[in-house]
Amino acid sequence: FIPKKIESFHSTYVIISEPFNHTHFWYKNALIWETANPYIYLRTTSDNRILIGGKDDAFYNPEKRDRKLNQKALQLQQSFCKLFPHLNFKTDFSWAGTFCGTKDGLPYIGSIPQRPHTYFALGFGGNGITFGQIAADFICDMLLQRKNKDLQLFSFTR
């Protein structure tokens, strides 16, 4: 449908702890997102576990990704232990997956010359819900022929 490549594939890794006997781990058990490269994120679960993900690789190859899982799981656990050395984290499960991203982390919203009567809302990565609302507003503007100066931020020509 789209004549140019707009997405890139990434392999990502996740571990989850065994359940803890307590329910409070850090301030309000808020989602933590470290912006380092490679990043990690942490969150708690309703059954008193801690989930850690990230340490992504910029490739798509399920077999290679899965071979790296043990190494990445260890790296994730080590990253957690540096942040919270007082919590005895024991990995219970680990898994890996693939996701797509864009060069700048933004979705593509709009139309392309090859498909003038088609409107795209192509959110990638972990921000689909947020960008879905933005895309709905922008596509509504396009259909009603209203000017929207911000649409250029998400265009296929950016």
Protein backbone atom coordinates (compact mmCIF):
# COMPACT_ATOMS: atom_id res chain seq x y z
CA PHE A 1 0.00 0.00 0.00
CA ILE A 2 2.86 2.38 0.79
CA PRO A 3 5.72 2.58 -1.71
CA LYS A 4 8.47 3.34 0.80
CA LYS A 5 9.67 1.61 3.95
CA ILE A 6 8.51 3.57 6.97
CA GLU A 7 9.01 1.06 9.79
CA SER A 8 11.94 -0.71 11.37
CA PHE A 9 11.73 -3.97 13.27
CA HIS A 10 13.14 -4.45 16.75
CA SER A 11 13.52 -7.39 19.07
CA THR A 12 12.57 -6.78 22.69
CA TYR A 13 12.95 -8.79 25.88
CA VAL A 14 10.98 -9.06 29.12
CA ILE A 15 11.34 -10.78 32.47
CA ILE A 16 8.95 -11.04 35.39
CA SER A 17 9.80 -11.80 38.99
CA GLU A 18 8.47 -14.41 41.29
CA PRO A 19 5.71 -12.94 43.48
CA PHE A 20 6.88 -10.83 46.42
CA ASN A 21 5.33 -10.96 49.90
CA HIS A 22 4.82 -7.19 49.92
CA THR A 23 2.99 -4.80 47.60
CA HIS A 24 4.97 -1.54 47.69
CA PHE A 25 8.29 -1.42 45.84
CA TRP A 26 8.94 2.23 45.00
CA TYR A 27 6.99 5.48 45.02
CA LYS A 28 3.35 4.61 44.26
CA ASN A 29 4.61 1.63 42.23
CA ALA A 30 4.66 4.00 39.28
CA LEU A 31 5.72 2.87 35.83
CA ILE A 32 9.43 3.60 35.44
CA TRP A 33 10.85 4.23 31.98
CA GLU A 34 14.59 4.72 31.74
CA THR A 35 15.51 6.77 28.68
CA ALA A 36 19.00 5.33 28.26
CA ASN A 37 19.88 3.50 25.08
CA PRO A 38 19.14 0.64 25.36
CA TYR A 39 16.25 1.55 27.63
CA ILE A 40 14.46 -0.46 30.28
CA TYR A 41 11.02 -0.08 31.79
CA LEU A 42 9.62 -1.47 35.03
CA ARG A 43 6.14 -1.91 36.37
CA THR A 44 4.41 -3.92 39.05
CA THR A 45 1.58 -6.40 38.58
CA SER A 46 -1.57 -7.08 40.56
CA ASP A 47 -0.08 -10.31 41.93
CA ASN A 48 2.97 -8.55 43.48
CA ARG A 49 5.45 -9.21 40.72
CA ILE A 50 7.83 -6.83 38.99
CA LEU A 51 8.01 -6.82 35.22
CA ILE A 52 11.10 -5.45 33.46
CA GLY A 53 11.47 -5.06 29.73
CA GLY A 54 13.70 -3.49 27.13
CA LYS A 55 17.33 -4.00 26.12
CA ASP A 56 16.02 -4.03 22.54
CA ASP A 57 18.00 -5.01 19.47
CA ALA A 58 17.48 -3.39 16.07
CA PHE A 59 16.84 -6.51 14.01
CA TYR A 60 14.10 -8.89 12.97
CA ASN A 61 15.11 -12.52 13.21
CA PRO A 62 13.00 -14.63 15.60
CA GLU A 63 15.57 -17.42 15.87
CA LYS A 64 18.45 -15.04 16.65
CA ARG A 65 16.23 -13.09 19.06
CA ASP A 66 15.23 -16.23 20.93
CA ARG A 67 18.85 -17.39 21.17
CA LYS A 68 19.68 -14.11 22.93
CA LEU A 69 16.85 -14.39 25.45
CA ASN A 70 18.88 -15.89 28.33
CA GLN A 71 21.62 -13.28 27.96
CA LYS A 72 19.10 -10.42 27.75
CA ALA A 73 17.13 -11.77 30.72
CA LEU A 74 20.31 -11.72 32.80
CA GLN A 75 21.08 -8.15 31.67
CA LEU A 76 17.57 -7.02 32.61
CA GLN A 77 17.85 -8.61 36.04
CA GLN A 78 21.28 -7.01 36.59
CA SER A 79 19.89 -3.61 35.60
CA PHE A 80 17.09 -4.02 38.12
CA CYS A 81 19.48 -5.05 40.89
CA LYS A 82 21.57 -1.91 40.30
CA LEU A 83 18.49 0.26 40.70
CA PHE A 84 16.96 -1.64 43.64
CA PRO A 85 19.67 -3.66 45.40
CA HIS A 86 17.45 -4.06 48.49
CA LEU A 87 14.83 -6.07 46.54
CA ASN A 88 15.60 -9.75 46.04
CA PHE A 89 14.48 -10.12 42.40
CA LYS A 90 14.22 -13.70 41.15
CA THR A 91 13.18 -14.18 37.53
CA ASP A 92 10.17 -16.46 37.15
CA PHE A 93 9.50 -16.10 33.41
CA SER A 94 11.16 -14.48 30.42
CA TRP A 95 10.07 -13.92 26.85
CA ALA A 96 10.95 -11.99 23.72
CA GLY A 97 9.00 -10.42 20.92
CA THR A 98 9.13 -8.19 17.88
CA PHE A 99 7.73 -4.70 17.43
CA CYS A 100 7.98 -1.98 14.82
CA GLY A 101 9.09 1.59 15.22
CA THR A 102 9.69 4.60 13.02
CA LYS A 103 12.85 6.64 12.53
CA ASP A 104 11.63 9.33 14.93
CA GLY A 105 9.18 7.40 17.10
CA LEU A 106 6.17 9.20 15.65
CA PRO A 107 3.27 7.65 13.76
CA TYR A 108 2.44 8.34 10.14
CA ILE A 109 -0.91 10.05 9.74
CA GLY A 110 -2.38 11.25 6.49
CA SER A 111 -2.56 10.39 2.84
CA ILE A 112 -0.06 9.67 0.08
CA PRO A 113 -0.27 10.66 -3.60
CA GLN A 114 -0.52 7.01 -4.70
CA ARG A 115 -3.70 6.57 -2.61
CA PRO A 116 -5.39 9.99 -2.57
CA HIS A 117 -8.69 8.76 -1.09
CA THR A 118 -7.09 6.69 1.66
CA TYR A 119 -6.17 8.02 5.07
CA PHE A 120 -3.55 6.24 7.14
CA ALA A 121 -3.15 6.14 10.91
CA LEU A 122 0.01 4.07 11.34
CA GLY A 123 1.14 4.05 14.95
CA PHE A 124 4.09 1.85 15.80
CA GLY A 125 5.80 0.96 19.04
CA GLY A 126 4.12 1.33 22.40
CA ASN A 127 2.22 4.56 21.84
CA GLY A 128 -0.70 3.41 19.71
CA ILE A 129 -3.46 4.44 22.11
CA THR A 130 -2.14 7.98 22.50
CA PHE A 131 -1.42 8.42 18.82
CA GLY A 132 -4.74 6.85 17.90
CA GLN A 133 -6.58 9.80 19.41
CA ILE A 134 -4.31 12.28 17.63
CA ALA A 135 -4.80 10.42 14.34
CA ALA A 136 -8.58 10.46 14.74
CA ASP A 137 -8.56 14.22 15.29
CA PHE A 138 -6.23 14.84 12.33
CA ILE A 139 -8.11 12.58 9.91
CA CYS A 140 -11.35 14.27 10.93
CA ASP A 141 -9.71 17.62 10.09
CA MET A 142 -8.62 16.27 6.70
CA LEU A 143 -12.06 14.91 5.88
CA LEU A 144 -13.65 18.24 6.82
CA GLN A 145 -10.90 20.09 4.90
CA ARG A 146 -9.77 22.01 7.97
CA LYS A 147 -6.19 23.26 8.11
CA ASN A 148 -4.04 21.70 10.80
CA LYS A 149 -0.49 23.01 11.03
CA ASP A 150 0.59 20.06 13.21
CA LEU A 151 -0.24 17.45 10.59
CA GLN A 152 3.16 17.99 8.94
CA LEU A 153 4.81 16.48 12.04
CA PHE A 154 3.22 13.12 11.16
CA SER A 155 3.25 13.29 7.37
CA PHE A 156 4.86 10.79 5.02
CA THR A 157 7.15 13.56 3.71
CA ARG A 158 8.73 14.54 7.03
